[in-house]
């Protein structure tokens, strides 16, 4: 079975902007981050093939690749999808202050991702040559 191939290829071909959770603060509030998608990469596991997107910078854990289900929102220049982000909540209970912070972070992130495509701020490594991109891609493949 092939998982998420079409979705990842679509995001990569559009050089989409994606939103993911990149860690949590000391109160357990998720930190939403916007990344640029560079390419789609498939990996084989038994009979299955799982597709990911390679992003333009490392996340806080050193990862530079995301599986499609971890993408909470995206803007591909034609469509903005934020439903998963609007519904996202960590599995644990947050304090009142934590809930307020979560709502503010969610609102700010949705507002950012809905901006005109070229105006969306994102975490990315600039400038980067094709050779440097290949090195980053190989680092991902080495981690698998």
Foldseek 3Di string as FASTA:
>chain_A
DEPCPVVQQLLQVLQKKFWAFQDAPPQRATQIFIWTFHHKDWDDDVPYIFIWTFTQDAGPVRARIGGPVRTQWMDSQPDTDHVSLVVDDDPDDGDPVSVVVNVVNSVVVSVLRPPRRVRRDHDHDPPDDPVRVVVNVVVNVVVD
